PDB file of N, CA and C in Angstrom:
ATOM      1  N   UNK A   1       1.424 -20.093   6.292  1.00  0.00           N
ATOM      2  CA  UNK A   1       2.138 -19.070   5.414  1.00  0.00           C
ATOM      3  C   UNK A   1       1.224 -17.977   5.051  1.00  0.00           C
ATOM      4  N   UNK A   2       1.702 -16.816   5.166  1.00  0.00           N
ATOM      5  CA  UNK A   2       0.821 -15.545   5.047  1.00  0.00           C
ATOM      6  C   UNK A   2       1.144 -15.117   3.433  1.00  0.00           C
ATOM      7  N   UNK A   3       0.037 -14.977   2.566  1.00  0.00           N
ATOM      8  CA  UNK A   3       0.215 -14.515   1.290  1.00  0.00           C
ATOM      9  C   UNK A   3      -0.581 -13.241   1.086  1.00  0.00           C
ATOM     10  N   UNK A   4      -0.041 -12.373   0.414  1.00  0.00           N
ATOM     11  CA  UNK A   4      -0.604 -11.007   0.160  1.00  0.00           C
ATOM     12  C   UNK A   4      -0.686 -10.801  -1.243  1.00  0.00           C
ATOM     13  N   UNK A   5      -1.955 -10.461  -1.785  1.00  0.00           N
ATOM     14  CA  UNK A   5      -2.247 -10.251  -3.149  1.00  0.00           C
ATOM     15  C   UNK A   5      -2.773  -8.890  -3.575  1.00  0.00           C
ATOM     16  N   UNK A   6      -2.035  -8.079  -4.250  1.00  0.00           N
ATOM     17  CA  UNK A   6      -2.478  -6.754  -4.596  1.00  0.00           C
ATOM     18  C   UNK A   6      -3.337  -6.645  -5.839  1.00  0.00           C
ATOM     19  N   UNK A   7      -4.237  -5.643  -5.920  1.00  0.00           N
ATOM     20  CA  UNK A   7      -4.978  -5.531  -7.204  1.00  0.00           C
ATOM     21  C   UNK A   7      -5.259  -3.944  -7.273  1.00  0.00           C
ATOM     22  N   UNK A   8      -5.732  -3.595  -8.442  1.00  0.00           N
ATOM     23  CA  UNK A   8      -6.182  -2.240  -8.693  1.00  0.00           C
ATOM     24  C   UNK A   8      -5.297  -1.138  -9.169  1.00  0.00           C
ATOM     25  N   UNK A   9      -4.139  -1.638  -9.609  1.00  0.00           N
ATOM     26  CA  UNK A   9      -3.237  -0.759 -10.156  1.00  0.00           C
ATOM     27  C   UNK A   9      -3.696  -0.512 -11.702  1.00  0.00           C
ATOM     28  N   UNK A  10      -2.756   0.309 -12.260  1.00  0.00           N
ATOM     29  CA  UNK A  10      -3.024   0.790 -13.705  1.00  0.00           C
ATOM     30  C   UNK A  10      -2.459   2.130 -14.078  1.00  0.00           C
ATOM     31  N   UNK A  11      -2.948   2.540 -15.137  1.00  0.00           N
ATOM     32  CA  UNK A  11      -2.532   3.829 -15.555  1.00  0.00           C
ATOM     33  C   UNK A  11      -3.639   4.927 -15.471  1.00  0.00           C
ATOM     34  N   UNK A  12      -3.196   6.167 -15.064  1.00  0.00           N
ATOM     35  CA  UNK A  12      -4.035   7.221 -14.783  1.00  0.00           C
ATOM     36  C   UNK A  12      -3.308   8.510 -15.109  1.00  0.00           C
ATOM     37  N   UNK A  13      -4.220   9.543 -15.445  1.00  0.00           N
ATOM     38  CA  UNK A  13      -3.684  10.774 -15.832  1.00  0.00           C
ATOM     39  C   UNK A  13      -3.289  11.558 -14.506  1.00  0.00           C
ATOM     40  N   UNK A  14      -2.367  12.482 -14.686  1.00  0.00           N
ATOM     41  CA  UNK A  14      -2.218  13.419 -13.355  1.00  0.00           C
ATOM     42  C   UNK A  14      -3.384  14.020 -12.746  1.00  0.00           C
ATOM     43  N   UNK A  15      -3.537  14.032 -11.538  1.00  0.00           N
ATOM     44  CA  UNK A  15      -4.786  14.609 -10.939  1.00  0.00           C
ATOM     45  C   UNK A  15      -5.702  13.648 -10.760  1.00  0.00           C
ATOM     46  N   UNK A  16      -5.585  12.283 -11.233  1.00  0.00           N
ATOM     47  CA  UNK A  16      -6.593  11.197 -11.136  1.00  0.00           C
ATOM     48  C   UNK A  16      -6.435  10.430  -9.890  1.00  0.00           C
ATOM     49  N   UNK A  17      -7.230   9.442  -9.705  1.00  0.00           N
ATOM     50  CA  UNK A  17      -7.250   8.736  -8.499  1.00  0.00           C
ATOM     51  C   UNK A  17      -7.201   7.065  -8.771  1.00  0.00           C
ATOM     52  N   UNK A  18      -6.723   6.471  -7.934  1.00  0.00           N
ATOM     53  CA  UNK A  18      -6.690   4.910  -7.970  1.00  0.00           C
ATOM     54  C   UNK A  18      -6.948   4.338  -6.650  1.00  0.00           C
ATOM     55  N   UNK A  19      -7.551   3.131  -6.427  1.00  0.00           N
ATOM     56  CA  UNK A  19      -7.599   2.512  -5.290  1.00  0.00           C
ATOM     57  C   UNK A  19      -6.978   1.258  -5.343  1.00  0.00           C
ATOM     58  N   UNK A  20      -5.874   0.920  -4.474  1.00  0.00           N
ATOM     59  CA  UNK A  20      -5.161  -0.399  -4.519  1.00  0.00           C
ATOM     60  C   UNK A  20      -5.765  -1.135  -3.325  1.00  0.00           C
ATOM     61  N   UNK A  21      -5.998  -2.491  -3.632  1.00  0.00           N
ATOM     62  CA  UNK A  21      -6.409  -3.410  -2.391  1.00  0.00           C
ATOM     63  C   UNK A  21      -5.388  -4.501  -2.216  1.00  0.00           C
ATOM     64  N   UNK A  22      -5.418  -5.117  -0.995  1.00  0.00           N
ATOM     65  CA  UNK A  22      -4.563  -6.169  -0.742  1.00  0.00           C
ATOM     66  C   UNK A  22      -5.327  -7.082   0.122  1.00  0.00           C
ATOM     67  N   UNK A  23      -5.422  -8.428  -0.341  1.00  0.00           N
ATOM     68  CA  UNK A  23      -6.054  -9.412   0.388  1.00  0.00           C
ATOM     69  C   UNK A  23      -5.078 -10.304   0.983  1.00  0.00           C
ATOM     70  N   UNK A  24      -5.181 -10.451   2.246  1.00  0.00           N
ATOM     71  CA  UNK A  24      -4.347 -11.291   3.062  1.00  0.00           C
ATOM     72  C   UNK A  24      -4.783 -12.603   3.364  1.00  0.00           C
ATOM     73  N   UNK A  25      -4.103 -13.784   3.171  1.00  0.00           N
ATOM     74  CA  UNK A  25      -4.612 -15.030   3.432  1.00  0.00           C
ATOM     75  C   UNK A  25      -3.478 -15.696   4.419  1.00  0.00           C
ATOM     76  N   UNK A  26      -3.910 -16.534   5.277  1.00  0.00           N
ATOM     77  CA  UNK A  26      -3.092 -17.153   6.183  1.00  0.00           C
ATOM     78  C   UNK A  26      -2.740 -16.277   7.429  1.00  0.00           C
ATOM     79  N   UNK A  27      -2.301 -16.778   8.534  1.00  0.00           N
ATOM     80  CA  UNK A  27      -1.999 -16.071   9.695  1.00  0.00           C
ATOM     81  C   UNK A  27      -3.233 -15.291  10.274  1.00  0.00           C
ATOM     82  N   UNK A  28      -3.030 -14.556  11.447  1.00  0.00           N
ATOM     83  CA  UNK A  28      -3.946 -13.742  12.029  1.00  0.00           C
ATOM     84  C   UNK A  28      -3.893 -12.359  11.667  1.00  0.00           C
ATOM     85  N   UNK A  29      -4.789 -11.849  10.651  1.00  0.00           N
ATOM     86  CA  UNK A  29      -4.630 -10.567  10.168  1.00  0.00           C
ATOM     87  C   UNK A  29      -4.427  -9.518  11.176  1.00  0.00           C
ATOM     88  N   UNK A  30      -5.309  -9.609  12.357  1.00  0.00           N
ATOM     89  CA  UNK A  30      -5.462  -8.646  13.290  1.00  0.00           C
ATOM     90  C   UNK A  30      -4.054  -8.425  14.091  1.00  0.00           C
ATOM     91  N   UNK A  31      -3.125  -9.398  13.972  1.00  0.00           N
ATOM     92  CA  UNK A  31      -1.770  -9.330  14.684  1.00  0.00           C
ATOM     93  C   UNK A  31      -0.704  -8.469  13.835  1.00  0.00           C
ATOM     94  N   UNK A  32      -1.146  -8.170  12.520  1.00  0.00           N
ATOM     95  CA  UNK A  32      -0.115  -7.530  11.690  1.00  0.00           C
ATOM     96  C   UNK A  32      -0.383  -6.078  11.512  1.00  0.00           C
ATOM     97  N   UNK A  33       0.724  -5.154  11.556  1.00  0.00           N
ATOM     98  CA  UNK A  33       0.751  -3.960  11.103  1.00  0.00           C
ATOM     99  C   UNK A  33       0.896  -4.056   9.690  1.00  0.00           C
ATOM    100  N   UNK A  34       0.070  -3.199   8.819  1.00  0.00           N
ATOM    101  CA  UNK A  34       0.084  -3.225   7.501  1.00  0.00           C
ATOM    102  C   UNK A  34       0.678  -1.904   6.856  1.00  0.00           C
ATOM    103  N   UNK A  35       1.177  -1.932   5.655  1.00  0.00           N
ATOM    104  CA  UNK A  35       1.748  -0.903   4.957  1.00  0.00           C
ATOM    105  C   UNK A  35       1.733  -0.993   3.481  1.00  0.00           C
ATOM    106  N   UNK A  36       1.754   0.104   2.779  1.00  0.00           N
ATOM    107  CA  UNK A  36       2.008   0.031   1.395  1.00  0.00           C
ATOM    108  C   UNK A  36       3.414   0.721   1.205  1.00  0.00           C
ATOM    109  N   UNK A  37       4.250   0.135   0.314  1.00  0.00           N
ATOM    110  CA  UNK A  37       5.457   0.527  -0.114  1.00  0.00           C
ATOM    111  C   UNK A  37       5.606   0.761  -1.627  1.00  0.00           C
ATOM    112  N   UNK A  38       6.433   1.578  -2.163  1.00  0.00           N
ATOM    113  CA  UNK A  38       6.619   1.558  -3.605  1.00  0.00           C
ATOM    114  C   UNK A  38       7.989   1.627  -3.822  1.00  0.00           C
ATOM    115  N   UNK A  39       8.358   1.230  -4.986  1.00  0.00           N
ATOM    116  CA  UNK A  39       9.711   1.137  -5.500  1.00  0.00           C
ATOM    117  C   UNK A  39       9.903   1.819  -6.805  1.00  0.00           C
ATOM    118  N   UNK A  40      10.843   2.805  -7.012  1.00  0.00           N
ATOM    119  CA  UNK A  40      11.061   3.274  -8.252  1.00  0.00           C
ATOM    120  C   UNK A  40      12.456   3.269  -8.616  1.00  0.00           C
ATOM    121  N   UNK A  41      12.913   3.091  -9.885  1.00  0.00           N
ATOM    122  CA  UNK A  41      14.348   2.903 -10.182  1.00  0.00           C
ATOM    123  C   UNK A  41      15.387   3.921  -9.575  1.00  0.00           C
ATOM    124  N   UNK A  42      14.865   5.252  -9.589  1.00  0.00           N
ATOM    125  CA  UNK A  42      15.707   6.166  -8.950  1.00  0.00           C
ATOM    126  C   UNK A  42      15.723   6.437  -7.552  1.00  0.00           C
ATOM    127  N   UNK A  43      14.626   6.033  -6.844  1.00  0.00           N
ATOM    128  CA  UNK A  43      14.460   6.377  -5.401  1.00  0.00           C
ATOM    129  C   UNK A  43      14.621   5.076  -4.569  1.00  0.00           C
ATOM    130  N   UNK A  44      14.480   3.979  -5.128  1.00  0.00           N
ATOM    131  CA  UNK A  44      14.479   2.685  -4.194  1.00  0.00           C
ATOM    132  C   UNK A  44      13.043   2.613  -3.551  1.00  0.00           C
ATOM    133  N   UNK A  45      13.058   2.080  -2.438  1.00  0.00           N
ATOM    134  CA  UNK A  45      11.906   1.763  -1.675  1.00  0.00           C
ATOM    135  C   UNK A  45      11.420   2.862  -0.808  1.00  0.00           C
ATOM    136  N   UNK A  46      10.141   3.119  -0.767  1.00  0.00           N
ATOM    137  CA  UNK A  46       9.579   4.220   0.088  1.00  0.00           C
ATOM    138  C   UNK A  46       8.325   3.707   0.672  1.00  0.00           C
ATOM    139  N   UNK A  47       8.203   3.814   2.045  1.00  0.00           N
ATOM    140  CA  UNK A  47       6.937   3.506   2.682  1.00  0.00           C
ATOM    141  C   UNK A  47       5.912   4.699   2.360  1.00  0.00           C
ATOM    142  N   UNK A  48       4.705   4.447   1.888  1.00  0.00           N
ATOM    143  CA  UNK A  48       3.844   5.612   1.529  1.00  0.00           C
ATOM    144  C   UNK A  48       2.675   5.715   2.591  1.00  0.00           C
ATOM    145  N   UNK A  49       2.468   4.680   3.314  1.00  0.00           N
ATOM    146  CA  UNK A  49       1.273   4.512   4.140  1.00  0.00           C
ATOM    147  C   UNK A  49       1.442   3.421   5.258  1.00  0.00           C
ATOM    148  N   UNK A  50       1.135   3.621   6.372  1.00  0.00           N
ATOM    149  CA  UNK A  50       1.155   2.506   7.344  1.00  0.00           C
ATOM    150  C   UNK A  50      -0.017   2.493   8.396  1.00  0.00           C
ATOM    151  N   UNK A  51      -0.575   1.367   8.663  1.00  0.00           N
ATOM    152  CA  UNK A  51      -1.738   1.165   9.527  1.00  0.00           C
ATOM    153  C   UNK A  51      -1.340   0.238  10.512  1.00  0.00           C
ATOM    154  N   UNK A  52      -1.634   0.458  11.729  1.00  0.00           N
ATOM    155  CA  UNK A  52      -1.214  -0.374  12.909  1.00  0.00           C
ATOM    156  C   UNK A  52      -2.439  -1.379  13.069  1.00  0.00           C
ATOM    157  N   UNK A  53      -2.155  -2.298  13.964  1.00  0.00           N
ATOM    158  CA  UNK A  53      -3.146  -3.268  14.406  1.00  0.00           C
ATOM    159  C   UNK A  53      -4.413  -2.591  14.918  1.00  0.00           C
ATOM    160  N   UNK A  54      -4.188  -1.442  15.498  1.00  0.00           N
ATOM    161  CA  UNK A  54      -5.244  -0.611  16.088  1.00  0.00           C
ATOM    162  C   UNK A  54      -5.885   0.363  15.221  1.00  0.00           C
ATOM    163  N   UNK A  55      -5.306   0.537  13.964  1.00  0.00           N
ATOM    164  CA  UNK A  55      -5.923   1.498  13.019  1.00  0.00           C
ATOM    165  C   UNK A  55      -5.266   2.839  13.039  1.00  0.00           C
ATOM    166  N   UNK A  56      -4.204   3.021  13.701  1.00  0.00           N
ATOM    167  CA  UNK A  56      -3.552   4.355  13.588  1.00  0.00           C
ATOM    168  C   UNK A  56      -2.702   4.301  12.289  1.00  0.00           C
ATOM    169  N   UNK A  57      -2.889   5.607  11.609  1.00  0.00           N
ATOM    170  CA  UNK A  57      -2.144   5.690  10.310  1.00  0.00           C
ATOM    171  C   UNK A  57      -1.086   6.578  10.280  1.00  0.00           C
ATOM    172  N   UNK A  58      -0.107   6.450   9.221  1.00  0.00           N
ATOM    173  CA  UNK A  58       0.865   7.454   9.144  1.00  0.00           C
ATOM    174  C   UNK A  58       1.308   7.438   7.821  1.00  0.00           C
ATOM    175  N   UNK A  59       1.691   8.673   7.207  1.00  0.00           N
ATOM    176  CA  UNK A  59       2.143   8.966   5.896  1.00  0.00           C
ATOM    177  C   UNK A  59       3.322   9.683   5.920  1.00  0.00           C
ATOM    178  N   UNK A  60       4.101   9.699   4.799  1.00  0.00           N
ATOM    179  CA  UNK A  60       5.399  10.534   4.576  1.00  0.00           C
ATOM    180  C   UNK A  60       4.754  11.893   3.980  1.00  0.00           C
ATOM    181  N   UNK A  61       5.601  12.952   4.168  1.00  0.00           N
ATOM    182  CA  UNK A  61       4.894  14.238   3.574  1.00  0.00           C
ATOM    183  C   UNK A  61       4.673  14.242   2.034  1.00  0.00           C
ATOM    184  N   UNK A  62       5.363  13.310   1.368  1.00  0.00           N
ATOM    185  CA  UNK A  62       5.237  13.205  -0.106  1.00  0.00           C
ATOM    186  C   UNK A  62       3.889  12.746  -0.490  1.00  0.00           C
ATOM    187  N   UNK A  63       3.097  12.015   0.428  1.00  0.00           N
ATOM    188  CA  UNK A  63       1.728  11.682   0.071  1.00  0.00           C
ATOM    189  C   UNK A  63       0.704  12.283   0.865  1.00  0.00           C
ATOM    190  N   UNK A  64       0.998  12.868   2.072  1.00  0.00           N
ATOM    191  CA  UNK A  64       0.072  13.137   2.996  1.00  0.00           C
ATOM    192  C   UNK A  64      -0.958  14.100   2.369  1.00  0.00           C
ATOM    193  N   UNK A  65      -2.236  13.856   2.744  1.00  0.00           N
ATOM    194  CA  UNK A  65      -3.310  14.619   2.303  1.00  0.00           C
ATOM    195  C   UNK A  65      -3.725  14.116   0.948  1.00  0.00           C
ATOM    196  N   UNK A  66      -3.055  13.243   0.251  1.00  0.00           N
ATOM    197  CA  UNK A  66      -3.512  12.630  -1.055  1.00  0.00           C
ATOM    198  C   UNK A  66      -3.787  11.097  -0.963  1.00  0.00           C
ATOM    199  N   UNK A  67      -2.943  10.490  -0.010  1.00  0.00           N
ATOM    200  CA  UNK A  67      -3.178   9.101   0.127  1.00  0.00           C
ATOM    201  C   UNK A  67      -3.880   8.559   1.339  1.00  0.00           C
ATOM    202  N   UNK A  68      -4.675   7.635   1.425  1.00  0.00           N
ATOM    203  CA  UNK A  68      -5.459   7.120   2.510  1.00  0.00           C
ATOM    204  C   UNK A  68      -5.317   5.628   2.629  1.00  0.00           C
ATOM    205  N   UNK A  69      -4.898   5.126   3.890  1.00  0.00           N
ATOM    206  CA  UNK A  69      -4.854   3.716   4.032  1.00  0.00           C
ATOM    207  C   UNK A  69      -5.994   3.355   4.972  1.00  0.00           C
ATOM    208  N   UNK A  70      -6.606   2.200   4.687  1.00  0.00           N
ATOM    209  CA  UNK A  70      -7.625   1.723   5.624  1.00  0.00           C
ATOM    210  C   UNK A  70      -7.482   0.133   5.583  1.00  0.00           C
ATOM    211  N   UNK A  71      -7.983  -0.480   6.692  1.00  0.00           N
ATOM    212  CA  UNK A  71      -8.111  -1.963   6.770  1.00  0.00           C
ATOM    213  C   UNK A  71      -9.419  -2.444   7.362  1.00  0.00           C
ATOM    214  N   UNK A  72      -9.733  -3.653   6.832  1.00  0.00           N
ATOM    215  CA  UNK A  72     -10.839  -4.372   7.248  1.00  0.00           C
ATOM    216  C   UNK A  72     -10.449  -5.731   7.790  1.00  0.00           C
ATOM    217  N   UNK A  73     -10.480  -5.666   9.217  1.00  0.00           N
ATOM    218  CA  UNK A  73     -10.181  -6.928   9.883  1.00  0.00           C
ATOM    219  C   UNK A  73     -11.158  -8.164   9.606  1.00  0.00           C
ATOM    220  N   UNK A  74     -12.336  -7.911   9.324  1.00  0.00           N
ATOM    221  CA  UNK A  74     -13.124  -9.006   8.996  1.00  0.00           C
ATOM    222  C   UNK A  74     -12.763  -9.530   7.618  1.00  0.00           C
ATOM    223  N   UNK A  75     -12.652  -8.848   6.627  1.00  0.00           N
ATOM    224  CA  UNK A  75     -12.337  -9.244   5.232  1.00  0.00           C
ATOM    225  C   UNK A  75     -10.797  -9.610   4.957  1.00  0.00           C
ATOM    226  N   UNK A  76      -9.958  -9.183   5.938  1.00  0.00           N
ATOM    227  CA  UNK A  76      -8.579  -9.325   5.824  1.00  0.00           C
ATOM    228  C   UNK A  76      -8.075  -8.588   4.645  1.00  0.00           C
ATOM    229  N   UNK A  77      -8.415  -7.394   4.576  1.00  0.00           N
ATOM    230  CA  UNK A  77      -7.879  -6.425   3.521  1.00  0.00           C
ATOM    231  C   UNK A  77      -7.383  -5.216   3.913  1.00  0.00           C
ATOM    232  N   UNK A  78      -6.657  -4.509   2.956  1.00  0.00           N
ATOM    233  CA  UNK A  78      -6.034  -3.289   3.421  1.00  0.00           C
ATOM    234  C   UNK A  78      -6.106  -2.649   2.039  1.00  0.00           C
ATOM    235  N   UNK A  79      -6.508  -1.304   2.032  1.00  0.00           N
ATOM    236  CA  UNK A  79      -6.801  -0.600   0.835  1.00  0.00           C
ATOM    237  C   UNK A  79      -5.792   0.754   0.876  1.00  0.00           C
ATOM    238  N   UNK A  80      -5.525   1.287  -0.426  1.00  0.00           N
ATOM    239  CA  UNK A  80      -4.750   2.542  -0.304  1.00  0.00           C
ATOM    240  C   UNK A  80      -5.503   3.312  -1.478  1.00  0.00           C
ATOM    241  N   UNK A  81      -6.167   4.474  -1.044  1.00  0.00           N
ATOM    242  CA  UNK A  81      -6.892   5.271  -1.849  1.00  0.00           C
ATOM    243  C   UNK A  81      -5.865   6.382  -2.311  1.00  0.00           C
ATOM    244  N   UNK A  82      -5.627   6.475  -3.466  1.00  0.00           N
ATOM    245  CA  UNK A  82      -4.582   7.607  -4.026  1.00  0.00           C
ATOM    246  C   UNK A  82      -5.224   8.546  -4.877  1.00  0.00           C
ATOM    247  N   UNK A  83      -5.342   9.789  -4.408  1.00  0.00           N
ATOM    248  CA  UNK A  83      -5.950  10.879  -5.036  1.00  0.00           C
ATOM    249  C   UNK A  83      -4.901  12.004  -5.588  1.00  0.00           C
ATOM    250  N   UNK A  84      -5.417  12.773  -6.522  1.00  0.00           N
ATOM    251  CA  UNK A  84      -4.560  13.776  -6.824  1.00  0.00           C
ATOM    252  C   UNK A  84      -3.110  13.307  -7.436  1.00  0.00           C
ATOM    253  N   UNK A  85      -3.103  12.248  -8.163  1.00  0.00           N
ATOM    254  CA  UNK A  85      -1.932  11.575  -8.490  1.00  0.00           C
ATOM    255  C   UNK A  85      -1.045  12.322  -9.279  1.00  0.00           C
ATOM    256  N   UNK A  86       0.263  12.215  -8.940  1.00  0.00           N
ATOM    257  CA  UNK A  86       1.479  12.988  -9.718  1.00  0.00           C
ATOM    258  C   UNK A  86       2.255  11.939 -10.531  1.00  0.00           C
ATOM    259  N   UNK A  87       3.005  12.622 -11.388  1.00  0.00           N
ATOM    260  CA  UNK A  87       3.795  11.580 -12.250  1.00  0.00           C
ATOM    261  C   UNK A  87       4.997  10.928 -11.233  1.00  0.00           C
ATOM    262  N   UNK A  88       5.345  11.598 -10.246  1.00  0.00           N
ATOM    263  CA  UNK A  88       6.327  11.098  -9.467  1.00  0.00           C
ATOM    264  C   UNK A  88       5.690  10.061  -8.461  1.00  0.00           C
ATOM    265  N   UNK A  89       4.407   9.715  -8.502  1.00  0.00           N
ATOM    266  CA  UNK A  89       3.771   8.469  -7.885  1.00  0.00           C
ATOM    267  C   UNK A  89       3.940   7.266  -8.723  1.00  0.00           C
ATOM    268  N   UNK A  90       4.518   7.326  -9.925  1.00  0.00           N
ATOM    269  CA  UNK A  90       4.655   6.233 -10.745  1.00  0.00           C
ATOM    270  C   UNK A  90       5.651   5.371 -10.030  1.00  0.00           C
ATOM    271  N   UNK A  91       5.252   4.069  -9.872  1.00  0.00           N
ATOM    272  CA  UNK A  91       6.058   3.164  -9.113  1.00  0.00           C
ATOM    273  C   UNK A  91       5.403   1.785  -9.106  1.00  0.00           C
ATOM    274  N   UNK A  92       6.210   0.841  -8.541  1.00  0.00           N
ATOM    275  CA  UNK A  92       5.525  -0.566  -8.424  1.00  0.00           C
ATOM    276  C   UNK A  92       5.242  -0.492  -6.790  1.00  0.00           C
ATOM    277  N   UNK A  93       4.079  -0.743  -6.491  1.00  0.00           N
ATOM    278  CA  UNK A  93       3.489  -0.698  -5.199  1.00  0.00           C
ATOM    279  C   UNK A  93       3.253  -2.174  -4.651  1.00  0.00           C
ATOM    280  N   UNK A  94       3.680  -2.122  -3.298  1.00  0.00           N
ATOM    281  CA  UNK A  94       3.717  -3.534  -2.722  1.00  0.00           C
ATOM    282  C   UNK A  94       2.875  -3.269  -1.291  1.00  0.00           C
ATOM    283  N   UNK A  95       2.120  -4.340  -1.048  1.00  0.00           N
ATOM    284  CA  UNK A  95       1.600  -4.411   0.167  1.00  0.00           C
ATOM    285  C   UNK A  95       2.438  -5.249   1.089  1.00  0.00           C
ATOM    286  N   UNK A  96       2.476  -4.754   2.322  1.00  0.00           N
ATOM    287  CA  UNK A  96       3.474  -5.190   3.389  1.00  0.00           C
ATOM    288  C   UNK A  96       2.631  -5.583   4.726  1.00  0.00           C
ATOM    289  N   UNK A  97       3.034  -6.770   5.354  1.00  0.00           N
ATOM    290  CA  UNK A  97       2.472  -7.049   6.493  1.00  0.00           C
ATOM    291  C   UNK A  97       3.728  -7.389   7.586  1.00  0.00           C
ATOM    292  N   UNK A  98       3.585  -6.944   8.716  1.00  0.00           N
ATOM    293  CA  UNK A  98       4.703  -7.112   9.633  1.00  0.00           C
ATOM    294  C   UNK A  98       4.128  -7.309  11.164  1.00  0.00           C
ATOM    295  N   UNK A  99       4.751  -8.318  11.712  1.00  0.00           N
ATOM    296  CA  UNK A  99       4.444  -8.574  13.181  1.00  0.00           C
ATOM    297  C   UNK A  99       5.751  -8.586  13.976  1.00  0.00           C
ATOM    298  N   UNK A 100       5.819  -7.777  14.936  1.00  0.00           N
ATOM    299  CA  UNK A 100       7.036  -7.699  15.734  1.00  0.00           C
ATOM    300  C   UNK A 100       8.084  -7.043  14.831  1.00  0.00           C
ATOM    301  N   UNK A 101       9.397  -7.357  15.234  1.00  0.00           N
ATOM    302  CA  UNK A 101      10.500  -6.694  14.460  1.00  0.00           C
ATOM    303  C   UNK A 101      11.013  -7.616  13.340  1.00  0.00           C
ATOM    304  N   UNK A 102      10.711  -8.703  13.303  1.00  0.00           N
ATOM    305  CA  UNK A 102      11.365  -9.739  12.360  1.00  0.00           C
ATOM    306  C   UNK A 102      10.450 -10.347  11.367  1.00  0.00           C
ATOM    307  N   UNK A 103       9.187 -10.522  11.707  1.00  0.00           N
ATOM    308  CA  UNK A 103       8.397 -11.230  10.808  1.00  0.00           C
ATOM    309  C   UNK A 103       7.714 -10.266   9.665  1.00  0.00           C
ATOM    310  N   UNK A 104       7.887 -10.467   8.474  1.00  0.00           N
ATOM    311  CA  UNK A 104       7.189  -9.581   7.512  1.00  0.00           C
ATOM    312  C   UNK A 104       7.167 -10.325   6.290  1.00  0.00           C
ATOM    313  N   UNK A 105       5.992  -9.949   5.397  1.00  0.00           N
ATOM    314  CA  UNK A 105       5.637 -10.318   4.247  1.00  0.00           C
ATOM    315  C   UNK A 105       5.267  -9.415   3.234  1.00  0.00           C
ATOM    316  N   UNK A 106       5.680  -9.518   1.963  1.00  0.00           N
ATOM    317  CA  UNK A 106       5.479  -8.702   0.860  1.00  0.00           C
ATOM    318  C   UNK A 106       4.478  -9.247  -0.178  1.00  0.00           C
ATOM    319  N   UNK A 107       3.686  -8.569  -0.709  1.00  0.00           N
ATOM    320  CA  UNK A 107       2.960  -9.072  -1.997  1.00  0.00           C
ATOM    321  C   UNK A 107       3.977  -8.973  -3.117  1.00  0.00           C
ATOM    322  N   UNK A 108       3.601  -9.322  -4.284  1.00  0.00           N
ATOM    323  CA  UNK A 108       4.285  -9.327  -5.559  1.00  0.00           C
ATOM    324  C   UNK A 108       4.480  -7.899  -6.128  1.00  0.00           C
ATOM    325  N   UNK A 109       3.587  -7.113  -5.814  1.00  0.00           N
ATOM    326  CA  UNK A 109       3.589  -5.790  -6.356  1.00  0.00           C
ATOM    327  C   UNK A 109       2.715  -5.534  -7.476  1.00  0.00           C
ATOM    328  N   UNK A 110       2.308  -4.290  -7.587  1.00  0.00           N
ATOM    329  CA  UNK A 110       1.391  -3.843  -8.714  1.00  0.00           C
ATOM    330  C   UNK A 110       1.904  -2.580  -9.355  1.00  0.00           C
ATOM    331  N   UNK A 111       1.817  -2.337 -10.647  1.00  0.00           N
ATOM    332  CA  UNK A 111       2.238  -1.181 -11.144  1.00  0.00           C
ATOM    333  C   UNK A 111       1.209  -0.062 -11.097  1.00  0.00           C
ATOM    334  N   UNK A 112       1.706   1.021 -10.821  1.00  0.00           N
ATOM    335  CA  UNK A 112       0.867   2.299 -10.949  1.00  0.00           C
ATOM    336  C   UNK A 112       1.612   3.286 -11.890  1.00  0.00           C
ATOM    337  N   UNK A 113       1.052   3.833 -12.965  1.00  0.00           N
ATOM    338  CA  UNK A 113       1.654   4.638 -13.784  1.00  0.00           C
ATOM    339  C   UNK A 113       0.769   5.873 -14.052  1.00  0.00           C
ATOM    340  N   UNK A 114       1.386   7.162 -13.665  1.00  0.00           N
ATOM    341  CA  UNK A 114       0.710   8.387 -13.742  1.00  0.00           C
ATOM    342  C   UNK A 114       1.266   9.093 -14.954  1.00  0.00           C
ATOM    343  N   UNK A 115       0.550   9.231 -16.079  1.00  0.00           N
ATOM    344  CA  UNK A 115       0.966   9.813 -17.191  1.00  0.00           C
ATOM    345  C   UNK A 115      -0.097  10.527 -18.083  1.00  0.00           C
ATOM    346  N   UNK A 116       0.275  11.654 -18.631  1.00  0.00           N
ATOM    347  CA  UNK A 116      -0.665  12.298 -19.510  1.00  0.00           C
ATOM    348  C   UNK A 116      -0.456  11.810 -20.941  1.00  0.00           C
TER     349      UNK A 116
END
């Protein structure tokens, strides 16, 4: 069984930074593409960063230039550095692992609140 555990959320002022971490246990971490998703009441789910098994990254325009995803295959972790945070980044953030088209796992989520 693959388990994902997020940490590092909290409250920050606009313009501030936060670093989210996700520790993955079980499975072969190097076989999984990883991502961070977020959920807000008004917008539903949104993928904010992806990183492939080979380390290629991608971001939607809403966070490009502000968010950076990275992975450590030895420690089985994936991180999301969020800079220049805006109020619209307030959401519940989830770590996500996927292998192929059908195998996927989610963490329980961690709250990020951007407020003055």
